[in-house]
Amino acid sequence: MADRDQDLAVEYFLELDGTVHFVDEKCKYRVEIKAKRTDVTPERPHGLSYSLTLHDEKHERILGFDNAHPVPASKGPGGKRHKFHDHRHKYDKTRIC
C-alpha cells in the first residue's frame, strides 16, 4: 500500500472513533470502534491506539482486536513479551495478531 493510501486509511479509521454498528436485523450484535492518534513508538509503529470489538446481546465481548497492552508469547511469569501490542481477544483468550 502506498504511503498516501495508508495515510488515507488511517484518517478514515480515526473518523470511525466512537461509532457503534449493529450487524444483525434485531440489533443484538454490535461492533464498537475506538481509535486515537498516539505517538509513534516501537509498540505502536502506526501511531494509533485502537480497539475493534464485537459484542453479543448480553454486551459480552465475543471478538476484539486492540493494542492496549503487550501480550506474552508464552504463558507463565517468564513469558517473552512481543515488540508490538497488536493482538486479538476471542472470548476470554488473548492471542497475537
C-alpha atoms as a PDB file:
ATOM      1  CA  MET A   1       0.000   0.000   0.000  1.00  0.00           C
ATOM      2  CA  ALA A   2       1.403   3.375  -0.937  1.00  0.00           C
ATOM      3  CA  ASP A   3       2.095   5.841   1.901  1.00  0.00           C
ATOM      4  CA  ARG A   4      -0.676   8.160   0.686  1.00  0.00           C
ATOM      5  CA  ASP A   5      -3.213   5.317   0.631  1.00  0.00           C
ATOM      6  CA  GLN A   6      -2.112   4.193   4.076  1.00  0.00           C
ATOM      7  CA  ASP A   7      -2.452   7.763   5.403  1.00  0.00           C
ATOM      8  CA  LEU A   8      -5.995   7.956   3.988  1.00  0.00           C
ATOM      9  CA  ALA A   9      -6.883   4.606   5.557  1.00  0.00           C
ATOM     10  CA  VAL A  10      -5.611   5.790   8.952  1.00  0.00           C
ATOM     11  CA  GLU A  11      -7.591   9.039   8.660  1.00  0.00           C
ATOM     12  CA  TYR A  12     -10.753   7.133   7.755  1.00  0.00           C
ATOM     13  CA  PHE A  13     -10.206   4.757  10.682  1.00  0.00           C
ATOM     14  CA  LEU A  14      -9.777   7.739  13.048  1.00  0.00           C
ATOM     15  CA  GLU A  15     -13.083   9.192  11.788  1.00  0.00           C
ATOM     16  CA  LEU A  16     -14.825   5.985  12.930  1.00  0.00           C
ATOM     17  CA  ASP A  17     -13.772   6.549  16.559  1.00  0.00           C
ATOM     18  CA  GLY A  18     -16.716   6.126  18.918  1.00  0.00           C
ATOM     19  CA  THR A  19     -19.048   4.556  16.385  1.00  0.00           C
ATOM     20  CA  VAL A  20     -21.243   1.532  17.026  1.00  0.00           C
ATOM     21  CA  HIS A  21     -22.537  -0.627  14.162  1.00  0.00           C
ATOM     22  CA  PHE A  22     -25.280  -3.206  14.620  1.00  0.00           C
ATOM     23  CA  VAL A  23     -24.624  -6.251  12.481  1.00  0.00           C
ATOM     24  CA  ASP A  24     -27.931  -8.096  12.662  1.00  0.00           C
ATOM     25  CA  GLU A  25     -31.546  -7.213  11.954  1.00  0.00           C
ATOM     26  CA  LYS A  26     -32.623  -7.384  15.617  1.00  0.00           C
ATOM     27  CA  CYS A  27     -29.683  -5.241  16.815  1.00  0.00           C
ATOM     28  CA  LYS A  28     -28.416  -7.944  19.163  1.00  0.00           C
ATOM     29  CA  TYR A  29     -24.817  -7.948  17.901  1.00  0.00           C
ATOM     30  CA  ARG A  30     -22.742  -4.817  17.542  1.00  0.00           C
ATOM     31  CA  VAL A  31     -19.264  -3.695  16.557  1.00  0.00           C
ATOM     32  CA  GLU A  32     -17.649  -0.893  18.537  1.00  0.00           C
ATOM     33  CA  ILE A  33     -14.747   1.106  17.118  1.00  0.00           C
ATOM     34  CA  LYS A  34     -12.302   3.222  19.107  1.00  0.00           C
ATOM     35  CA  ALA A  35      -9.279   4.871  17.506  1.00  0.00           C
ATOM     36  CA  LYS A  36      -6.973   7.631  18.723  1.00  0.00           C
ATOM     37  CA  ARG A  37      -3.761   9.027  17.307  1.00  0.00           C
ATOM     38  CA  THR A  38      -0.717   8.412  19.536  1.00  0.00           C
ATOM     39  CA  ASP A  39       2.981   8.976  19.287  1.00  0.00           C
ATOM     40  CA  VAL A  40       4.792   6.551  17.018  1.00  0.00           C
ATOM     41  CA  THR A  41       6.591   4.082  19.283  1.00  0.00           C
ATOM     42  CA  PRO A  42       8.120   0.636  18.784  1.00  0.00           C
ATOM     43  CA  GLU A  43       4.932  -0.823  20.311  1.00  0.00           C
ATOM     44  CA  ARG A  44       2.610   1.289  18.132  1.00  0.00           C
ATOM     45  CA  PRO A  45       4.571   1.920  14.922  1.00  0.00           C
ATOM     46  CA  HIS A  46       1.415   3.077  13.119  1.00  0.00           C
ATOM     47  CA  GLY A  47       0.798   5.866  15.677  1.00  0.00           C
ATOM     48  CA  LEU A  48      -2.635   4.551  16.668  1.00  0.00           C
ATOM     49  CA  SER A  49      -4.258   3.282  19.828  1.00  0.00           C
ATOM     50  CA  TYR A  50      -7.283   1.252  18.738  1.00  0.00           C
ATOM     51  CA  SER A  51      -9.954  -1.225  19.731  1.00  0.00           C
ATOM     52  CA  LEU A  52     -12.366  -3.076  17.422  1.00  0.00           C
ATOM     53  CA  THR A  53     -14.815  -5.282  19.302  1.00  0.00           C
ATOM     54  CA  LEU A  54     -17.811  -7.493  18.523  1.00  0.00           C
ATOM     55  CA  HIS A  55     -20.369  -7.829  21.348  1.00  0.00           C
ATOM     56  CA  ASP A  56     -23.376 -10.108  21.807  1.00  0.00           C
ATOM     57  CA  GLU A  57     -26.866  -9.279  23.090  1.00  0.00           C
ATOM     58  CA  LYS A  58     -25.604  -9.574  26.693  1.00  0.00           C
ATOM     59  CA  HIS A  59     -22.953  -6.915  25.923  1.00  0.00           C
ATOM     60  CA  GLU A  60     -20.191  -9.507  26.319  1.00  0.00           C
ATOM     61  CA  ARG A  61     -17.197  -9.259  24.007  1.00  0.00           C
ATOM     62  CA  ILE A  62     -17.061 -12.133  21.528  1.00  0.00           C
ATOM     63  CA  LEU A  63     -14.094 -10.951  19.487  1.00  0.00           C
ATOM     64  CA  GLY A  64     -11.768  -7.992  19.739  1.00  0.00           C
ATOM     65  CA  PHE A  65      -8.642  -6.543  18.193  1.00  0.00           C
ATOM     66  CA  ASP A  66      -6.617  -3.901  20.027  1.00  0.00           C
ATOM     67  CA  ASN A  67      -3.188  -2.694  21.015  1.00  0.00           C
ATOM     68  CA  ALA A  68      -3.883  -1.681  24.614  1.00  0.00           C
ATOM     69  CA  HIS A  69      -1.202  -3.834  26.228  1.00  0.00           C
ATOM     70  CA  PRO A  70       1.639  -6.233  25.414  1.00  0.00           C
ATOM     71  CA  VAL A  71       0.883  -9.943  25.206  1.00  0.00           C
ATOM     72  CA  PRO A  72       3.285 -12.632  26.435  1.00  0.00           C
ATOM     73  CA  ALA A  73       4.463 -15.030  23.732  1.00  0.00           C
ATOM     74  CA  SER A  74       4.366 -17.884  26.213  1.00  0.00           C
ATOM     75  CA  LYS A  75       2.492 -18.496  29.452  1.00  0.00           C
ATOM     76  CA  GLY A  76       3.968 -18.065  32.882  1.00  0.00           C
ATOM     77  CA  PRO A  77       5.972 -15.330  34.536  1.00  0.00           C
ATOM     78  CA  GLY A  78       8.929 -15.937  32.231  1.00  0.00           C
ATOM     79  CA  GLY A  79       6.865 -15.494  29.044  1.00  0.00           C
ATOM     80  CA  LYS A  80       8.558 -13.311  26.451  1.00  0.00           C
ATOM     81  CA  ARG A  81       6.791 -10.074  25.521  1.00  0.00           C
ATOM     82  CA  HIS A  82       6.272  -9.191  21.880  1.00  0.00           C
ATOM     83  CA  LYS A  83       7.572  -5.973  20.392  1.00  0.00           C
ATOM     84  CA  PHE A  84       4.136  -4.903  19.136  1.00  0.00           C
ATOM     85  CA  HIS A  85       0.987  -4.565  21.214  1.00  0.00           C
ATOM     86  CA  ASP A  86      -1.378  -5.655  18.396  1.00  0.00           C
ATOM     87  CA  HIS A  87      -3.406  -8.691  19.467  1.00  0.00           C
ATOM     88  CA  ARG A  88      -6.862 -10.243  19.468  1.00  0.00           C
ATOM     89  CA  HIS A  89      -9.260 -11.446  22.124  1.00  0.00           C
ATOM     90  CA  LYS A  90     -11.606 -14.329  21.383  1.00  0.00           C
ATOM     91  CA  TYR A  91     -13.955 -14.720  24.324  1.00  0.00           C
ATOM     92  CA  ASP A  92     -11.519 -14.887  27.246  1.00  0.00           C
ATOM     93  CA  LYS A  93      -8.424 -15.916  25.268  1.00  0.00           C
ATOM     94  CA  THR A  94      -5.797 -13.450  24.047  1.00  0.00           C
ATOM     95  CA  ARG A  95      -3.614 -14.122  21.001  1.00  0.00           C
ATOM     96  CA  ILE A  96      -1.051 -12.214  18.988  1.00  0.00           C
ATOM     97  CA  CYS A  97      -2.275 -10.976  15.609  1.00  0.00           C
END
